[in-house]
Amino acid sequence: MELQVQKRQITGTKVKGLRQQGIIPAEIYGRGFENFHLSVPTKDFKKVFQAAGENTVINLMVDGDKYPVLIHDVSYDGITGDVDSIDFYRVRMDEKIKVKVPVEFMGIAPAIKEKNGLLVKALHEVEVEALPNEIPHSFQVDLSKLSDIGQSIYVKDLIISGNVKVLVIPETVVATITAKVTEEEELAMQQEGAAPVEEVKVEAEEKKAAKEAEQAEVAPEAESAKPAK
C-alpha cells in the first residue's frame, strides 16, 4: 500500500493555508533516521488510513524514494473534526517493533438471544511484538462461541501467528457473557448501598451524644479546680 507525499518547506502558522488547500502537514521520524516535514493530500490519506489503520505498514513515496512507515499518530481539529496533522513512524523491516492490534468482534453470541445474557467486551486491542510486515491487521473474535452465561473468550483463544509475540497475559478476558441485572436486584443493591450511610449517621450521632455527656461531667470538675478569687 503506497501513499504519494511531498517534502514540505512551509512550517509554523503558515501550514493553515495548506489545510485550506486539502493538504495535511505531517512529520516522518524513526530511530536512526532523519526527520523531515511532509505534505499529504487529504483525500489520499483518508483512503489509505481507512484500509491500513495504525498497525499496517504503508510505503510513503517521496520524490521517487520509498519509506516504510506506520501511521503513528493522527491529530484532529477539535471543532471541525478534520485531520489536523499526522506523524509517520519509519520502521526497519528486519527489526521487530511493539504495536497494539485492534480486536474485531464477529458474529452474535447465542447466550444473548437464548439466555438473555449481556455481552461485555473487555479488551479492544492487544499489544504484540513482531516484524513490521508480520503485524496482524486485527484479531477477529468469534462471538458465536459464547452460548451460556459465564462463558468467556481469552487472549489465549485468539488465532495468532507463530512469528507474533503477544505481550498480554494469556488469561486476560477479551469478551464475556454475564447475567442481566433485574429491576428487583438493582433496587436491592441500591438499598444495600444506602444502609452503610445510615449506620454511619447513627454512629456519628451516638459519638456526638457521648462527647456532650463527657463534657458535662468534666465541666463541674474544671469549675471547682479554679483558684478562689
C-alpha atoms as a PDB file:
ATOM      1  CA  MET A   1       0.000   0.000   0.000  1.00  0.00           C
ATOM      2  CA  GLU A   2       1.511   3.296  -1.105  1.00  0.00           C
ATOM      3  CA  LEU A   3       0.854   6.951  -0.385  1.00  0.00           C
ATOM      4  CA  GLN A   4       2.302   9.716  -2.543  1.00  0.00           C
ATOM      5  CA  VAL A   5       3.528  12.677  -0.464  1.00  0.00           C
ATOM      6  CA  GLN A   6       5.903  15.607  -0.841  1.00  0.00           C
ATOM      7  CA  LYS A   7       8.567  17.201   1.310  1.00  0.00           C
ATOM      8  CA  ARG A   8       7.327  20.379   2.947  1.00  0.00           C
ATOM      9  CA  GLN A   9       9.175  23.664   3.406  1.00  0.00           C
ATOM     10  CA  ILE A  10       6.271  25.609   4.896  1.00  0.00           C
ATOM     11  CA  THR A  11       6.173  25.432   8.709  1.00  0.00           C
ATOM     12  CA  GLY A  12       4.632  27.206  11.696  1.00  0.00           C
ATOM     13  CA  THR A  13       1.374  29.107  11.377  1.00  0.00           C
ATOM     14  CA  LYS A  14       1.645  29.141   7.571  1.00  0.00           C
ATOM     15  CA  VAL A  15       0.539  25.482   7.415  1.00  0.00           C
ATOM     16  CA  LYS A  16      -3.024  26.699   7.958  1.00  0.00           C
ATOM     17  CA  GLY A  17      -3.067  27.689   4.303  1.00  0.00           C
ATOM     18  CA  LEU A  18      -2.099  24.141   3.316  1.00  0.00           C
ATOM     19  CA  ARG A  19      -5.072  22.677   5.151  1.00  0.00           C
ATOM     20  CA  GLN A  20      -7.376  25.032   3.274  1.00  0.00           C
ATOM     21  CA  GLN A  21      -5.930  23.604   0.043  1.00  0.00           C
ATOM     22  CA  GLY A  22      -6.687  19.999   1.076  1.00  0.00           C
ATOM     23  CA  ILE A  23      -3.166  19.278   2.302  1.00  0.00           C
ATOM     24  CA  ILE A  24      -2.327  17.810   5.727  1.00  0.00           C
ATOM     25  CA  PRO A  25       1.002  18.764   7.349  1.00  0.00           C
ATOM     26  CA  ALA A  26       2.885  15.686   8.518  1.00  0.00           C
ATOM     27  CA  GLU A  27       6.173  14.569  10.049  1.00  0.00           C
ATOM     28  CA  ILE A  28       8.244  11.458   9.429  1.00  0.00           C
ATOM     29  CA  TYR A  29      10.713  10.185  12.015  1.00  0.00           C
ATOM     30  CA  GLY A  30      12.251   6.989  13.286  1.00  0.00           C
ATOM     31  CA  ARG A  31      15.114   5.669  15.340  1.00  0.00           C
ATOM     32  CA  GLY A  32      18.354   6.307  13.480  1.00  0.00           C
ATOM     33  CA  PHE A  33      16.614   8.169  10.626  1.00  0.00           C
ATOM     34  CA  GLU A  34      16.475  11.799   9.597  1.00  0.00           C
ATOM     35  CA  ASN A  35      13.269  13.644  10.464  1.00  0.00           C
ATOM     36  CA  PHE A  36      11.600  15.861   7.877  1.00  0.00           C
ATOM     37  CA  HIS A  37       8.325  17.616   7.104  1.00  0.00           C
ATOM     38  CA  LEU A  38       5.736  16.337   4.632  1.00  0.00           C
ATOM     39  CA  SER A  39       2.637  17.497   2.791  1.00  0.00           C
ATOM     40  CA  VAL A  40      -0.040  14.818   2.429  1.00  0.00           C
ATOM     41  CA  PRO A  41      -3.146  15.018   0.183  1.00  0.00           C
ATOM     42  CA  THR A  42      -6.178  14.740   2.468  1.00  0.00           C
ATOM     43  CA  LYS A  43      -8.298  12.533   0.168  1.00  0.00           C
ATOM     44  CA  ASP A  44      -5.477  10.077  -0.497  1.00  0.00           C
ATOM     45  CA  PHE A  45      -4.591   9.825   3.182  1.00  0.00           C
ATOM     46  CA  LYS A  46      -8.165   9.078   4.255  1.00  0.00           C
ATOM     47  CA  LYS A  47      -8.383   6.159   1.820  1.00  0.00           C
ATOM     48  CA  VAL A  48      -5.081   4.669   2.975  1.00  0.00           C
ATOM     49  CA  PHE A  49      -5.810   5.232   6.663  1.00  0.00           C
ATOM     50  CA  GLN A  50      -9.194   3.533   6.399  1.00  0.00           C
ATOM     51  CA  ALA A  51      -7.570   0.461   4.888  1.00  0.00           C
ATOM     52  CA  ALA A  52      -4.356   0.325   6.911  1.00  0.00           C
ATOM     53  CA  GLY A  53      -5.171   1.770  10.315  1.00  0.00           C
ATOM     54  CA  GLU A  54      -2.275   2.380  12.693  1.00  0.00           C
ATOM     55  CA  ASN A  55      -0.692  -1.088  12.690  1.00  0.00           C
ATOM     56  CA  THR A  56      -0.192  -1.889   8.999  1.00  0.00           C
ATOM     57  CA  VAL A  57       2.953  -0.817   7.183  1.00  0.00           C
ATOM     58  CA  ILE A  58       2.454   1.548   4.258  1.00  0.00           C
ATOM     59  CA  ASN A  59       5.051   2.924   1.852  1.00  0.00           C
ATOM     60  CA  LEU A  60       5.431   6.679   1.629  1.00  0.00           C
ATOM     61  CA  MET A  61       6.616   7.683  -1.837  1.00  0.00           C
ATOM     62  CA  VAL A  62       8.722  10.848  -1.553  1.00  0.00           C
ATOM     63  CA  ASP A  63      10.491  12.178  -4.645  1.00  0.00           C
ATOM     64  CA  GLY A  64      10.915   8.655  -6.013  1.00  0.00           C
ATOM     65  CA  ASP A  65      12.130   7.212  -2.716  1.00  0.00           C
ATOM     66  CA  LYS A  66      10.166   4.649  -0.697  1.00  0.00           C
ATOM     67  CA  TYR A  67       9.840   4.866   3.090  1.00  0.00           C
ATOM     68  CA  PRO A  68       8.091   2.033   5.006  1.00  0.00           C
ATOM     69  CA  VAL A  69       6.142   3.617   7.865  1.00  0.00           C
ATOM     70  CA  LEU A  70       3.354   3.154  10.366  1.00  0.00           C
ATOM     71  CA  ILE A  71       0.713   5.840  10.837  1.00  0.00           C
ATOM     72  CA  HIS A  72       1.809   6.556  14.374  1.00  0.00           C
ATOM     73  CA  ASP A  73      -0.447   9.426  15.389  1.00  0.00           C
ATOM     74  CA  VAL A  74      -3.311  11.359  13.818  1.00  0.00           C
ATOM     75  CA  SER A  75      -4.487  14.651  15.349  1.00  0.00           C
ATOM     76  CA  TYR A  76      -7.919  16.108  14.673  1.00  0.00           C
ATOM     77  CA  ASP A  77      -9.321  19.620  14.753  1.00  0.00           C
ATOM     78  CA  GLY A  78     -11.440  19.970  17.889  1.00  0.00           C
ATOM     79  CA  ILE A  79     -14.136  21.975  16.081  1.00  0.00           C
ATOM     80  CA  THR A  80     -14.393  20.573  12.555  1.00  0.00           C
ATOM     81  CA  GLY A  81     -13.166  17.029  13.259  1.00  0.00           C
ATOM     82  CA  ASP A  82     -10.896  17.195  10.211  1.00  0.00           C
ATOM     83  CA  VAL A  83      -7.417  15.654  10.284  1.00  0.00           C
ATOM     84  CA  ASP A  84      -5.098  18.361  11.587  1.00  0.00           C
ATOM     85  CA  SER A  85      -1.675  16.656  11.404  1.00  0.00           C
ATOM     86  CA  ILE A  86      -0.050  13.244  11.007  1.00  0.00           C
ATOM     87  CA  ASP A  87       3.025  11.566  12.466  1.00  0.00           C
ATOM     88  CA  PHE A  88       4.577   8.743  10.430  1.00  0.00           C
ATOM     89  CA  TYR A  89       6.995   6.376  12.163  1.00  0.00           C
ATOM     90  CA  ARG A  90       9.647   4.966   9.847  1.00  0.00           C
ATOM     91  CA  VAL A  91      10.414   1.293  10.529  1.00  0.00           C
ATOM     92  CA  ARG A  92      13.166  -1.158   9.690  1.00  0.00           C
ATOM     93  CA  MET A  93      11.657  -4.195   8.006  1.00  0.00           C
ATOM     94  CA  ASP A  94      14.179  -6.516   9.670  1.00  0.00           C
ATOM     95  CA  GLU A  95      13.610  -5.179  13.194  1.00  0.00           C
ATOM     96  CA  LYS A  96      10.725  -6.195  15.460  1.00  0.00           C
ATOM     97  CA  ILE A  97       8.507  -3.481  16.895  1.00  0.00           C
ATOM     98  CA  LYS A  98       5.775  -3.289  19.516  1.00  0.00           C
ATOM     99  CA  VAL A  99       2.297  -2.222  18.413  1.00  0.00           C
ATOM    100  CA  LYS A 100      -1.299  -2.534  19.573  1.00  0.00           C
ATOM    101  CA  VAL A 101      -3.512  -4.603  17.291  1.00  0.00           C
ATOM    102  CA  PRO A 102      -7.275  -3.895  17.381  1.00  0.00           C
ATOM    103  CA  VAL A 103      -9.766  -6.624  18.290  1.00  0.00           C
ATOM    104  CA  GLU A 104     -12.615  -7.128  15.827  1.00  0.00           C
ATOM    105  CA  PHE A 105     -15.762  -8.781  17.188  1.00  0.00           C
ATOM    106  CA  MET A 106     -17.596 -11.010  14.731  1.00  0.00           C
ATOM    107  CA  GLY A 107     -21.000 -12.693  14.858  1.00  0.00           C
ATOM    108  CA  ILE A 108     -23.609 -12.810  17.618  1.00  0.00           C
ATOM    109  CA  ALA A 109     -23.360 -14.657  20.919  1.00  0.00           C
ATOM    110  CA  PRO A 110     -26.206 -17.221  21.254  1.00  0.00           C
ATOM    111  CA  ALA A 111     -26.270 -16.559  25.004  1.00  0.00           C
ATOM    112  CA  ILE A 112     -27.656 -13.095  24.313  1.00  0.00           C
ATOM    113  CA  LYS A 113     -30.747 -14.370  22.487  1.00  0.00           C
ATOM    114  CA  GLU A 114     -31.243 -17.717  24.179  1.00  0.00           C
ATOM    115  CA  LYS A 115     -30.178 -16.950  27.766  1.00  0.00           C
ATOM    116  CA  ASN A 116     -30.896 -13.204  27.890  1.00  0.00           C
ATOM    117  CA  GLY A 117     -27.223 -12.649  28.664  1.00  0.00           C
ATOM    118  CA  LEU A 118     -25.244  -9.429  28.465  1.00  0.00           C
ATOM    119  CA  LEU A 119     -22.109  -9.235  26.310  1.00  0.00           C
ATOM    120  CA  VAL A 120     -19.165  -7.427  27.884  1.00  0.00           C
ATOM    121  CA  LYS A 121     -16.316  -6.509  25.526  1.00  0.00           C
ATOM    122  CA  ALA A 122     -13.422  -6.266  27.945  1.00  0.00           C
ATOM    123  CA  LEU A 123     -10.473  -5.838  25.559  1.00  0.00           C
ATOM    124  CA  HIS A 124     -10.355  -3.783  22.373  1.00  0.00           C
ATOM    125  CA  GLU A 125      -6.681  -4.059  21.441  1.00  0.00           C
ATOM    126  CA  VAL A 126      -3.793  -6.446  22.101  1.00  0.00           C
ATOM    127  CA  GLU A 127      -0.156  -5.386  22.272  1.00  0.00           C
ATOM    128  CA  VAL A 128       2.208  -7.563  20.249  1.00  0.00           C
ATOM    129  CA  GLU A 129       5.802  -7.640  19.084  1.00  0.00           C
ATOM    130  CA  ALA A 130       6.614  -8.638  15.505  1.00  0.00           C
ATOM    131  CA  LEU A 131       8.407  -7.704  12.323  1.00  0.00           C
ATOM    132  CA  PRO A 132       6.578  -4.834  10.574  1.00  0.00           C
ATOM    133  CA  ASN A 133       5.331  -6.976   7.673  1.00  0.00           C
ATOM    134  CA  GLU A 134       4.026  -9.693  10.041  1.00  0.00           C
ATOM    135  CA  ILE A 135       1.873  -7.477  12.253  1.00  0.00           C
ATOM    136  CA  PRO A 136      -1.783  -8.651  12.093  1.00  0.00           C
ATOM    137  CA  HIS A 137      -4.259  -6.101  10.781  1.00  0.00           C
ATOM    138  CA  SER A 138      -6.668  -7.174  13.546  1.00  0.00           C
ATOM    139  CA  PHE A 139      -7.599 -10.102  15.794  1.00  0.00           C
ATOM    140  CA  GLN A 140     -11.039 -11.465  14.921  1.00  0.00           C
ATOM    141  CA  VAL A 141     -13.099 -12.768  17.830  1.00  0.00           C
ATOM    142  CA  ASP A 142     -15.940 -15.188  17.043  1.00  0.00           C
ATOM    143  CA  LEU A 143     -18.736 -14.345  19.476  1.00  0.00           C
ATOM    144  CA  SER A 144     -20.852 -17.299  18.293  1.00  0.00           C
ATOM    145  CA  LYS A 145     -18.813 -19.480  20.668  1.00  0.00           C
ATOM    146  CA  LEU A 146     -20.434 -17.801  23.676  1.00  0.00           C
ATOM    147  CA  SER A 147     -23.550 -19.905  24.242  1.00  0.00           C
ATOM    148  CA  ASP A 148     -24.032 -19.681  28.008  1.00  0.00           C
ATOM    149  CA  ILE A 149     -23.889 -17.247  30.928  1.00  0.00           C
ATOM    150  CA  GLY A 150     -20.412 -17.045  32.413  1.00  0.00           C
ATOM    151  CA  GLN A 151     -18.558 -18.123  29.284  1.00  0.00           C
ATOM    152  CA  SER A 152     -15.577 -16.035  28.170  1.00  0.00           C
ATOM    153  CA  ILE A 153     -13.073 -15.704  25.379  1.00  0.00           C
ATOM    154  CA  TYR A 154      -9.477 -15.112  26.477  1.00  0.00           C
ATOM    155  CA  VAL A 155      -6.347 -13.778  24.811  1.00  0.00           C
ATOM    156  CA  LYS A 156      -5.071 -17.371  24.684  1.00  0.00           C
ATOM    157  CA  ASP A 157      -8.043 -18.241  22.440  1.00  0.00           C
ATOM    158  CA  LEU A 158      -7.047 -15.768  19.718  1.00  0.00           C
ATOM    159  CA  ILE A 159      -5.614 -17.105  16.462  1.00  0.00           C
ATOM    160  CA  ILE A 160      -2.057 -15.792  16.437  1.00  0.00           C
ATOM    161  CA  SER A 161       0.778 -16.442  14.010  1.00  0.00           C
ATOM    162  CA  GLY A 162       3.831 -18.177  15.444  1.00  0.00           C
ATOM    163  CA  ASN A 163       6.010 -15.211  14.499  1.00  0.00           C
ATOM    164  CA  VAL A 164       3.938 -12.786  16.544  1.00  0.00           C
ATOM    165  CA  LYS A 165       4.683 -12.443  20.250  1.00  0.00           C
ATOM    166  CA  VAL A 166       1.711 -11.425  22.386  1.00  0.00           C
ATOM    167  CA  LEU A 167       2.607  -9.066  25.230  1.00  0.00           C
ATOM    168  CA  VAL A 168      -0.659  -9.531  27.128  1.00  0.00           C
ATOM    169  CA  ILE A 169      -1.302 -12.161  29.817  1.00  0.00           C
ATOM    170  CA  PRO A 170      -2.949 -15.191  28.113  1.00  0.00           C
ATOM    171  CA  GLU A 171      -5.696 -15.392  30.762  1.00  0.00           C
ATOM    172  CA  THR A 172      -6.845 -11.825  30.061  1.00  0.00           C
ATOM    173  CA  VAL A 173     -10.564 -11.756  29.198  1.00  0.00           C
ATOM    174  CA  VAL A 174     -11.424 -10.413  25.753  1.00  0.00           C
ATOM    175  CA  ALA A 175     -15.197 -10.881  25.946  1.00  0.00           C
ATOM    176  CA  THR A 176     -17.574 -12.494  28.425  1.00  0.00           C
ATOM    177  CA  ILE A 177     -21.279 -13.147  28.972  1.00  0.00           C
ATOM    178  CA  THR A 178     -22.846 -12.011  32.222  1.00  0.00           C
ATOM    179  CA  ALA A 179     -26.413 -12.227  33.523  1.00  0.00           C
ATOM    180  CA  LYS A 180     -28.519  -9.111  33.204  1.00  0.00           C
ATOM    181  CA  VAL A 181     -29.439  -7.403  36.456  1.00  0.00           C
ATOM    182  CA  THR A 182     -33.199  -7.395  37.090  1.00  0.00           C
ATOM    183  CA  GLU A 183     -35.064  -4.349  38.409  1.00  0.00           C
ATOM    184  CA  GLU A 184     -35.542  -6.117  41.739  1.00  0.00           C
ATOM    185  CA  GLU A 185     -31.809  -6.876  42.025  1.00  0.00           C
ATOM    186  CA  GLU A 186     -30.911  -3.323  41.109  1.00  0.00           C
ATOM    187  CA  LEU A 187     -33.292  -1.960  43.743  1.00  0.00           C
ATOM    188  CA  ALA A 188     -31.867  -4.364  46.323  1.00  0.00           C
ATOM    189  CA  MET A 189     -28.311  -3.217  45.529  1.00  0.00           C
ATOM    190  CA  GLN A 190     -29.346   0.401  45.904  1.00  0.00           C
ATOM    191  CA  GLN A 191     -30.899  -0.344  49.278  1.00  0.00           C
ATOM    192  CA  GLU A 192     -27.803  -2.242  50.390  1.00  0.00           C
ATOM    193  CA  GLY A 193     -25.660   0.663  49.294  1.00  0.00           C
ATOM    194  CA  ALA A 194     -27.757   3.076  51.371  1.00  0.00           C
ATOM    195  CA  ALA A 195     -27.587   1.008  54.560  1.00  0.00           C
ATOM    196  CA  PRO A 196     -23.973   1.784  55.480  1.00  0.00           C
ATOM    197  CA  VAL A 197     -24.682   5.508  55.094  1.00  0.00           C
ATOM    198  CA  GLU A 198     -27.500   5.282  57.655  1.00  0.00           C
ATOM    199  CA  GLU A 199     -25.284   3.281  60.000  1.00  0.00           C
ATOM    200  CA  VAL A 200     -22.548   5.907  59.785  1.00  0.00           C
ATOM    201  CA  LYS A 201     -25.094   8.627  60.511  1.00  0.00           C
ATOM    202  CA  VAL A 202     -26.380   6.830  63.625  1.00  0.00           C
ATOM    203  CA  GLU A 203     -22.848   6.119  64.806  1.00  0.00           C
ATOM    204  CA  ALA A 204     -21.908   9.791  64.387  1.00  0.00           C
ATOM    205  CA  GLU A 205     -24.930  10.891  66.398  1.00  0.00           C
ATOM    206  CA  GLU A 206     -24.081   8.394  69.175  1.00  0.00           C
ATOM    207  CA  LYS A 207     -20.496   9.670  69.323  1.00  0.00           C
ATOM    208  CA  LYS A 208     -21.719  13.266  69.486  1.00  0.00           C
ATOM    209  CA  ALA A 209     -24.078  12.474  72.368  1.00  0.00           C
ATOM    210  CA  ALA A 210     -21.331  10.610  74.239  1.00  0.00           C
ATOM    211  CA  LYS A 211     -18.926  13.528  73.806  1.00  0.00           C
ATOM    212  CA  GLU A 212     -21.511  16.018  75.100  1.00  0.00           C
ATOM    213  CA  ALA A 213     -22.134  13.822  78.141  1.00  0.00           C
ATOM    214  CA  GLU A 214     -18.395  13.591  78.836  1.00  0.00           C
ATOM    215  CA  GLN A 215     -18.019  17.358  78.613  1.00  0.00           C
ATOM    216  CA  ALA A 216     -20.918  17.804  81.016  1.00  0.00           C
ATOM    217  CA  GLU A 217     -19.157  15.584  83.568  1.00  0.00           C
ATOM    218  CA  VAL A 218     -15.804  17.305  83.169  1.00  0.00           C
ATOM    219  CA  ALA A 219     -17.209  20.848  83.420  1.00  0.00           C
ATOM    220  CA  PRO A 220     -18.002  20.820  87.206  1.00  0.00           C
ATOM    221  CA  GLU A 221     -14.567  19.403  87.988  1.00  0.00           C
ATOM    222  CA  ALA A 222     -12.878  22.122  85.959  1.00  0.00           C
ATOM    223  CA  GLU A 223     -15.002  24.775  87.637  1.00  0.00           C
ATOM    224  CA  SER A 224     -14.089  23.555  91.125  1.00  0.00           C
ATOM    225  CA  ALA A 225     -10.412  23.472  90.205  1.00  0.00           C
ATOM    226  CA  LYS A 226     -10.328  27.221  89.532  1.00  0.00           C
ATOM    227  CA  PRO A 227      -8.483  29.237  92.201  1.00  0.00           C
ATOM    228  CA  ALA A 228     -10.643  31.280  94.511  1.00  0.00           C
ATOM    229  CA  LYS A 229     -10.874  34.960  93.641  1.00  0.00           C
END
